[in-house]
Amino acid sequence: MAYSGKFFPKNPNKYMGDPGNIFYRSLWERKVMVKFDLTESVVSWSSEEIIVPYLSPVDNKWHRYFPDFFIVLETKEGKKGVMIEVKPEKQTKPPTKKAKVTRSYLNEVMTWGVNEAKWNAARELCSHKGWEFRILTEKELNIK
């Protein structure tokens, strides 16, 4: 998932922000961008344009989280805002406790703690604004 680059939308009028300044940090994110750009029910979308403050459990300081996407969907009930994070499924669950504590395991625990803090802050913001928060993994993206 280390592939990154610049994205050029076919429908730049749908992008909330500067359509000449869209970057993806993985092929998964690029796949999502193409879908948002070409899907009619996606009225508008943005990538890393929203800032969500969160308190990190690692250093107990405030940081800024930039969720991967925000979209406005046209539904039968009207327009609906959805904040989206794209992550490998492995990173969406707490790490399995290990008998031996290794550096790798400690990194997993810290990553999970930070992600959980980010996502809880995002859920709170979305709840306040009447939006939905979703995490998309390889399962939802049909990637093996």
N, C-alpha and C. Protein backbone atom coordinates (compact mmCIF):
# COMPACT_ATOMS: atom_id res chain seq x y z
N MET A 1 0.81 -1.21 0.00
CA MET A 1 0.00 0.00 0.00
C MET A 1 0.85 1.27 0.00
N ALA A 2 2.06 1.21 -0.49
CA ALA A 2 2.95 2.37 -0.41
C ALA A 2 2.89 3.25 -1.64
N TYR A 3 2.00 3.00 -2.57
CA TYR A 3 1.92 3.75 -3.80
C TYR A 3 1.19 5.08 -3.58
N SER A 4 1.77 6.18 -4.05
CA SER A 4 1.14 7.49 -3.86
C SER A 4 1.29 8.32 -5.13
N GLY A 5 0.50 9.38 -5.22
CA GLY A 5 0.58 10.24 -6.39
C GLY A 5 -0.48 11.33 -6.37
N LYS A 6 -0.58 12.02 -7.49
CA LYS A 6 -1.53 13.11 -7.63
C LYS A 6 -2.74 12.60 -8.41
N PHE A 7 -3.93 13.01 -7.98
CA PHE A 7 -5.17 12.58 -8.62
C PHE A 7 -5.77 13.74 -9.41
N PHE A 8 -6.16 13.44 -10.63
CA PHE A 8 -6.78 14.44 -11.50
C PHE A 8 -8.22 14.02 -11.77
N PRO A 9 -9.20 14.65 -11.13
CA PRO A 9 -10.59 14.22 -11.30
C PRO A 9 -11.15 14.53 -12.68
N LYS A 10 -12.03 13.67 -13.16
CA LYS A 10 -12.74 13.92 -14.42
C LYS A 10 -13.85 14.95 -14.20
N ASN A 11 -14.31 15.07 -12.95
CA ASN A 11 -15.37 16.01 -12.57
C ASN A 11 -14.86 16.96 -11.49
N PRO A 12 -13.95 17.88 -11.85
CA PRO A 12 -13.34 18.75 -10.84
C PRO A 12 -14.36 19.63 -10.11
N ASN A 13 -15.52 19.88 -10.72
CA ASN A 13 -16.55 20.69 -10.07
C ASN A 13 -17.13 20.00 -8.84
N LYS A 14 -16.99 18.68 -8.73
CA LYS A 14 -17.50 17.94 -7.58
C LYS A 14 -16.56 18.04 -6.37
N TYR A 15 -15.31 18.45 -6.60
CA TYR A 15 -14.33 18.44 -5.51
C TYR A 15 -14.47 19.69 -4.65
N MET A 16 -14.55 19.49 -3.32
CA MET A 16 -14.62 20.60 -2.37
C MET A 16 -13.18 20.96 -1.97
N GLY A 17 -12.64 21.93 -2.61
CA GLY A 17 -11.26 22.30 -2.38
C GLY A 17 -10.61 22.56 -3.72
N ASP A 18 -9.29 22.55 -3.74
CA ASP A 18 -8.54 22.80 -4.97
C ASP A 18 -8.38 21.48 -5.73
N PRO A 19 -9.10 21.31 -6.86
CA PRO A 19 -9.00 20.04 -7.59
C PRO A 19 -7.63 19.79 -8.22
N GLY A 20 -6.79 20.79 -8.23
CA GLY A 20 -5.43 20.61 -8.72
C GLY A 20 -4.46 20.19 -7.64
N ASN A 21 -4.97 19.96 -6.43
CA ASN A 21 -4.11 19.66 -5.29
C ASN A 21 -4.64 18.43 -4.52
N ILE A 22 -4.94 17.36 -5.25
CA ILE A 22 -5.47 16.15 -4.64
C ILE A 22 -4.40 15.07 -4.71
N PHE A 23 -4.04 14.52 -3.56
CA PHE A 23 -3.02 13.49 -3.50
C PHE A 23 -3.57 12.24 -2.82
N TYR A 24 -3.17 11.08 -3.31
CA TYR A 24 -3.51 9.82 -2.66
C TYR A 24 -2.23 9.23 -2.09
N ARG A 25 -2.39 8.52 -0.97
CA ARG A 25 -1.24 7.95 -0.28
C ARG A 25 -1.20 6.43 -0.38
N SER A 26 -2.18 5.88 -1.11
CA SER A 26 -2.22 4.43 -1.36
C SER A 26 -3.10 4.18 -2.57
N LEU A 27 -2.93 3.02 -3.16
CA LEU A 27 -3.79 2.65 -4.29
C LEU A 27 -5.24 2.49 -3.83
N TRP A 28 -5.42 2.13 -2.56
CA TRP A 28 -6.78 2.02 -2.02
C TRP A 28 -7.45 3.39 -2.04
N GLU A 29 -6.72 4.42 -1.60
CA GLU A 29 -7.29 5.78 -1.61
C GLU A 29 -7.57 6.22 -3.04
N ARG A 30 -6.68 5.90 -3.98
CA ARG A 30 -6.92 6.27 -5.37
C ARG A 30 -8.19 5.61 -5.90
N LYS A 31 -8.38 4.34 -5.57
CA LYS A 31 -9.58 3.62 -5.99
C LYS A 31 -10.84 4.32 -5.47
N VAL A 32 -10.80 4.76 -4.23
CA VAL A 32 -11.94 5.47 -3.63
C VAL A 32 -12.17 6.80 -4.33
N MET A 33 -11.10 7.51 -4.64
CA MET A 33 -11.22 8.81 -5.34
C MET A 33 -11.89 8.64 -6.70
N VAL A 34 -11.49 7.63 -7.44
CA VAL A 34 -12.10 7.38 -8.74
C VAL A 34 -13.59 7.12 -8.57
N LYS A 35 -13.94 6.32 -7.57
CA LYS A 35 -15.35 6.01 -7.33
C LYS A 35 -16.14 7.27 -6.99
N PHE A 36 -15.63 8.10 -6.10
CA PHE A 36 -16.33 9.33 -5.72
C PHE A 36 -16.48 10.26 -6.92
N ASP A 37 -15.43 10.36 -7.71
CA ASP A 37 -15.43 11.25 -8.86
C ASP A 37 -16.48 10.83 -9.90
N LEU A 38 -16.68 9.53 -10.07
CA LEU A 38 -17.54 9.03 -11.13
C LEU A 38 -18.95 8.62 -10.69
N THR A 39 -19.19 8.55 -9.38
CA THR A 39 -20.49 8.12 -8.88
C THR A 39 -21.47 9.30 -8.81
N GLU A 40 -22.60 9.17 -9.48
CA GLU A 40 -23.58 10.27 -9.53
C GLU A 40 -24.14 10.65 -8.17
N SER A 41 -24.36 9.65 -7.30
CA SER A 41 -24.96 9.95 -6.00
C SER A 41 -24.00 10.71 -5.08
N VAL A 42 -22.70 10.73 -5.43
CA VAL A 42 -21.74 11.55 -4.68
C VAL A 42 -21.81 12.95 -5.28
N VAL A 43 -22.48 13.85 -4.55
CA VAL A 43 -22.68 15.23 -5.01
C VAL A 43 -21.37 16.00 -4.98
N SER A 44 -20.61 15.81 -3.89
CA SER A 44 -19.32 16.47 -3.74
C SER A 44 -18.45 15.64 -2.80
N TRP A 45 -17.14 15.88 -2.89
CA TRP A 45 -16.21 15.14 -2.04
C TRP A 45 -14.93 15.93 -1.84
N SER A 46 -14.19 15.54 -0.81
CA SER A 46 -12.90 16.15 -0.54
C SER A 46 -11.97 15.11 0.06
N SER A 47 -10.69 15.40 0.03
CA SER A 47 -9.68 14.51 0.57
C SER A 47 -8.78 15.29 1.53
N GLU A 48 -8.77 14.87 2.78
CA GLU A 48 -7.94 15.47 3.83
C GLU A 48 -8.15 16.98 3.94
N GLU A 49 -9.37 17.43 3.79
CA GLU A 49 -9.68 18.86 3.89
C GLU A 49 -10.26 19.23 5.26
N ILE A 50 -10.73 18.25 6.03
CA ILE A 50 -11.33 18.51 7.33
C ILE A 50 -10.31 18.21 8.42
N ILE A 51 -10.27 19.07 9.43
CA ILE A 51 -9.36 18.89 10.58
C ILE A 51 -10.18 18.49 11.79
N VAL A 52 -9.77 17.38 12.43
CA VAL A 52 -10.42 16.91 13.64
C VAL A 52 -9.39 16.91 14.76
N PRO A 53 -9.55 17.78 15.77
CA PRO A 53 -8.60 17.74 16.89
C PRO A 53 -8.85 16.51 17.76
N TYR A 54 -7.77 15.90 18.24
CA TYR A 54 -7.91 14.73 19.12
C TYR A 54 -6.79 14.73 20.14
N LEU A 55 -7.06 14.14 21.29
CA LEU A 55 -6.08 14.02 22.36
C LEU A 55 -5.39 12.67 22.22
N SER A 56 -4.08 12.68 21.99
CA SER A 56 -3.34 11.44 21.79
C SER A 56 -3.09 10.74 23.13
N PRO A 57 -3.37 9.44 23.20
CA PRO A 57 -3.08 8.71 24.44
C PRO A 57 -1.58 8.43 24.61
N VAL A 58 -0.81 8.64 23.55
CA VAL A 58 0.62 8.37 23.61
C VAL A 58 1.37 9.48 24.35
N ASP A 59 1.07 10.74 24.01
CA ASP A 59 1.79 11.85 24.66
C ASP A 59 0.86 12.79 25.44
N ASN A 60 -0.43 12.47 25.46
CA ASN A 60 -1.44 13.27 26.18
C ASN A 60 -1.46 14.73 25.70
N LYS A 61 -1.21 14.92 24.40
CA LYS A 61 -1.24 16.25 23.79
C LYS A 61 -2.27 16.26 22.67
N TRP A 62 -2.73 17.47 22.36
CA TRP A 62 -3.69 17.62 21.26
C TRP A 62 -2.97 17.60 19.93
N HIS A 63 -3.56 16.88 18.98
CA HIS A 63 -3.03 16.76 17.63
C HIS A 63 -4.17 17.02 16.64
N ARG A 64 -3.81 17.09 15.35
CA ARG A 64 -4.81 17.30 14.30
C ARG A 64 -4.89 16.05 13.42
N TYR A 65 -6.10 15.57 13.24
CA TYR A 65 -6.37 14.41 12.40
C TYR A 65 -7.06 14.89 11.13
N PHE A 66 -6.57 14.45 9.99
CA PHE A 66 -7.15 14.79 8.70
C PHE A 66 -7.76 13.52 8.12
N PRO A 67 -9.06 13.28 8.33
CA PRO A 67 -9.68 12.07 7.77
C PRO A 67 -9.48 12.02 6.26
N ASP A 68 -9.40 10.81 5.73
CA ASP A 68 -9.09 10.64 4.31
C ASP A 68 -10.08 11.34 3.40
N PHE A 69 -11.39 11.21 3.70
CA PHE A 69 -12.39 11.77 2.79
C PHE A 69 -13.60 12.32 3.52
N PHE A 70 -14.25 13.24 2.86
CA PHE A 70 -15.59 13.68 3.25
C PHE A 70 -16.40 13.72 1.97
N ILE A 71 -17.58 13.12 2.01
CA ILE A 71 -18.44 13.14 0.83
C ILE A 71 -19.84 13.63 1.21
N VAL A 72 -20.51 14.18 0.23
CA VAL A 72 -21.93 14.51 0.37
C VAL A 72 -22.66 13.61 -0.61
N LEU A 73 -23.53 12.76 -0.06
CA LEU A 73 -24.31 11.82 -0.86
C LEU A 73 -25.72 12.34 -1.05
N GLU A 74 -26.27 12.10 -2.23
CA GLU A 74 -27.69 12.38 -2.48
C GLU A 74 -28.43 11.08 -2.22
N THR A 75 -29.34 11.10 -1.22
CA THR A 75 -30.12 9.91 -0.87
C THR A 75 -31.60 10.23 -1.05
N LYS A 76 -32.43 9.22 -0.87
CA LYS A 76 -33.88 9.43 -0.97
C LYS A 76 -34.37 10.43 0.09
N GLU A 77 -33.66 10.45 1.23
CA GLU A 77 -34.03 11.35 2.32
C GLU A 77 -33.43 12.74 2.17
N GLY A 78 -32.55 12.93 1.21
CA GLY A 78 -31.87 14.21 1.01
C GLY A 78 -30.37 14.03 1.05
N LYS A 79 -29.67 15.14 1.21
CA LYS A 79 -28.20 15.09 1.22
C LYS A 79 -27.70 14.62 2.58
N LYS A 80 -26.61 13.84 2.53
CA LYS A 80 -26.05 13.24 3.74
C LYS A 80 -24.54 13.35 3.70
N GLY A 81 -23.94 13.87 4.77
CA GLY A 81 -22.49 13.97 4.89
C GLY A 81 -21.90 12.71 5.48
N VAL A 82 -20.80 12.25 4.90
CA VAL A 82 -20.12 11.05 5.40
C VAL A 82 -18.62 11.30 5.43
N MET A 83 -18.02 11.13 6.61
CA MET A 83 -16.57 11.22 6.77
C MET A 83 -16.03 9.80 6.67
N ILE A 84 -14.95 9.62 5.90
CA ILE A 84 -14.45 8.28 5.61
C ILE A 84 -12.95 8.18 5.86
N GLU A 85 -12.57 7.09 6.50
CA GLU A 85 -11.16 6.73 6.69
C GLU A 85 -10.92 5.41 5.97
N VAL A 86 -9.82 5.30 5.24
CA VAL A 86 -9.45 4.07 4.55
C VAL A 86 -8.27 3.46 5.29
N LYS A 87 -8.46 2.22 5.76
CA LYS A 87 -7.43 1.56 6.56
C LYS A 87 -7.43 0.06 6.30
N PRO A 88 -6.28 -0.60 6.43
CA PRO A 88 -6.27 -2.06 6.41
C PRO A 88 -7.07 -2.58 7.59
N GLU A 89 -7.82 -3.64 7.38
CA GLU A 89 -8.67 -4.18 8.45
C GLU A 89 -7.88 -4.47 9.72
N LYS A 90 -6.65 -4.93 9.57
CA LYS A 90 -5.80 -5.24 10.72
C LYS A 90 -5.66 -4.04 11.66
N GLN A 91 -5.64 -2.83 11.09
CA GLN A 91 -5.46 -1.63 11.92
C GLN A 91 -6.78 -1.11 12.51
N THR A 92 -7.88 -1.78 12.22
CA THR A 92 -9.18 -1.32 12.76
C THR A 92 -9.59 -2.09 14.00
N LYS A 93 -8.73 -2.99 14.46
CA LYS A 93 -9.02 -3.81 15.64
C LYS A 93 -7.86 -3.71 16.62
N PRO A 94 -8.17 -3.81 17.92
CA PRO A 94 -7.06 -3.77 18.88
C PRO A 94 -6.12 -4.96 18.66
N PRO A 95 -4.83 -4.76 18.91
CA PRO A 95 -3.89 -5.87 18.71
C PRO A 95 -4.15 -7.00 19.70
N THR A 96 -3.88 -8.20 19.25
CA THR A 96 -4.02 -9.38 20.10
C THR A 96 -2.89 -9.37 21.12
N LYS A 97 -3.27 -9.58 22.39
CA LYS A 97 -2.26 -9.58 23.45
C LYS A 97 -1.27 -10.71 23.23
N LYS A 98 0.00 -10.39 23.38
CA LYS A 98 1.08 -11.36 23.16
C LYS A 98 1.71 -11.75 24.50
N ALA A 99 2.23 -12.97 24.55
CA ALA A 99 2.89 -13.45 25.76
C ALA A 99 4.19 -12.67 26.00
N LYS A 100 4.89 -12.37 24.90
CA LYS A 100 6.14 -11.63 25.00
C LYS A 100 5.93 -10.24 24.40
N VAL A 101 6.27 -9.23 25.17
CA VAL A 101 6.12 -7.85 24.70
C VAL A 101 7.34 -7.50 23.85
N THR A 102 7.10 -7.23 22.58
CA THR A 102 8.16 -6.86 21.65
C THR A 102 7.97 -5.41 21.22
N ARG A 103 8.97 -4.86 20.57
CA ARG A 103 8.87 -3.51 20.05
C ARG A 103 7.74 -3.42 19.02
N SER A 104 7.63 -4.43 18.19
CA SER A 104 6.57 -4.49 17.18
C SER A 104 5.19 -4.46 17.84
N TYR A 105 5.03 -5.24 18.89
CA TYR A 105 3.74 -5.27 19.60
C TYR A 105 3.44 -3.91 20.23
N LEU A 106 4.44 -3.28 20.83
CA LEU A 106 4.24 -1.96 21.44
C LEU A 106 3.84 -0.93 20.37
N ASN A 107 4.45 -1.02 19.19
CA ASN A 107 4.06 -0.13 18.09
C ASN A 107 2.62 -0.36 17.68
N GLU A 108 2.19 -1.62 17.61
CA GLU A 108 0.79 -1.93 17.28
C GLU A 108 -0.16 -1.33 18.32
N VAL A 109 0.20 -1.47 19.60
CA VAL A 109 -0.63 -0.94 20.69
C VAL A 109 -0.74 0.59 20.59
N MET A 110 0.38 1.25 20.34
CA MET A 110 0.37 2.71 20.22
C MET A 110 -0.43 3.14 18.98
N THR A 111 -0.23 2.47 17.86
CA THR A 111 -0.97 2.81 16.64
C THR A 111 -2.47 2.64 16.87
N TRP A 112 -2.85 1.54 17.51
CA TRP A 112 -4.26 1.32 17.79
C TRP A 112 -4.81 2.42 18.70
N GLY A 113 -4.06 2.77 19.74
CA GLY A 113 -4.52 3.80 20.67
C GLY A 113 -4.72 5.15 19.99
N VAL A 114 -3.80 5.53 19.13
CA VAL A 114 -3.91 6.79 18.40
C VAL A 114 -5.08 6.73 17.42
N ASN A 115 -5.19 5.63 16.66
CA ASN A 115 -6.31 5.50 15.73
C ASN A 115 -7.65 5.56 16.45
N GLU A 116 -7.75 4.87 17.56
CA GLU A 116 -9.01 4.88 18.32
C GLU A 116 -9.35 6.30 18.81
N ALA A 117 -8.34 7.04 19.26
CA ALA A 117 -8.57 8.43 19.70
C ALA A 117 -9.02 9.29 18.53
N LYS A 118 -8.39 9.13 17.36
CA LYS A 118 -8.77 9.88 16.17
C LYS A 118 -10.22 9.57 15.78
N TRP A 119 -10.54 8.28 15.73
CA TRP A 119 -11.87 7.87 15.27
C TRP A 119 -12.97 8.26 16.26
N ASN A 120 -12.66 8.21 17.54
CA ASN A 120 -13.65 8.66 18.52
C ASN A 120 -13.92 10.15 18.38
N ALA A 121 -12.86 10.93 18.15
CA ALA A 121 -13.03 12.38 17.93
C ALA A 121 -13.82 12.63 16.65
N ALA A 122 -13.54 11.86 15.61
CA ALA A 122 -14.26 12.00 14.34
C ALA A 122 -15.73 11.65 14.52
N ARG A 123 -16.01 10.57 15.24
CA ARG A 123 -17.41 10.16 15.49
C ARG A 123 -18.16 11.25 16.26
N GLU A 124 -17.48 11.84 17.23
CA GLU A 124 -18.11 12.90 18.02
C GLU A 124 -18.42 14.12 17.14
N LEU A 125 -17.48 14.53 16.31
CA LEU A 125 -17.70 15.65 15.40
C LEU A 125 -18.85 15.33 14.44
N CYS A 126 -18.82 14.13 13.87
CA CYS A 126 -19.88 13.73 12.92
C CYS A 126 -21.24 13.72 13.60
N SER A 127 -21.30 13.22 14.80
CA SER A 127 -22.57 13.19 15.54
C SER A 127 -23.10 14.60 15.74
N HIS A 128 -22.20 15.51 16.10
CA HIS A 128 -22.57 16.91 16.32
C HIS A 128 -23.09 17.57 15.04
N LYS A 129 -22.50 17.19 13.89
CA LYS A 129 -22.86 17.82 12.61
C LYS A 129 -23.97 17.08 11.86
N GLY A 130 -24.38 15.91 12.39
CA GLY A 130 -25.40 15.13 11.69
C GLY A 130 -24.83 14.33 10.53
N TRP A 131 -23.53 14.02 10.59
CA TRP A 131 -22.87 13.24 9.55
C TRP A 131 -22.70 11.80 10.03
N GLU A 132 -22.19 10.98 9.14
CA GLU A 132 -21.86 9.60 9.46
C GLU A 132 -20.34 9.43 9.36
N PHE A 133 -19.78 8.53 10.17
CA PHE A 133 -18.36 8.22 10.08
C PHE A 133 -18.22 6.76 9.68
N ARG A 134 -17.42 6.49 8.65
CA ARG A 134 -17.20 5.12 8.18
C ARG A 134 -15.70 4.86 8.03
N ILE A 135 -15.33 3.62 8.33
CA ILE A 135 -13.98 3.15 8.06
C ILE A 135 -14.10 2.10 6.96
N LEU A 136 -13.42 2.34 5.85
CA LEU A 136 -13.42 1.39 4.74
C LEU A 136 -12.13 0.58 4.76
N THR A 137 -12.27 -0.73 4.71
CA THR A 137 -11.11 -1.63 4.67
C THR A 137 -11.07 -2.34 3.33
N GLU A 138 -10.09 -3.22 3.17
CA GLU A 138 -9.99 -3.97 1.92
C GLU A 138 -11.25 -4.78 1.64
N LYS A 139 -11.99 -5.15 2.68
CA LYS A 139 -13.24 -5.90 2.48
C LYS A 139 -14.28 -5.05 1.74
N GLU A 140 -14.49 -3.83 2.22
CA GLU A 140 -15.46 -2.94 1.59
C GLU A 140 -14.99 -2.50 0.20
N LEU A 141 -13.69 -2.45 0.00
CA LEU A 141 -13.14 -2.03 -1.28
C LEU A 141 -12.95 -3.20 -2.25
N ASN A 142 -13.29 -4.41 -1.80
CA ASN A 142 -13.14 -5.63 -2.59
C ASN A 142 -11.71 -5.81 -3.09
N ILE A 143 -10.76 -5.66 -2.18
CA ILE A 143 -9.34 -5.82 -2.49
C ILE A 143 -8.83 -7.05 -1.71
N LYS A 144 -8.08 -7.86 -2.38
CA LYS A 144 -7.54 -9.06 -1.72
C LYS A 144 -6.06 -8.93 -1.51
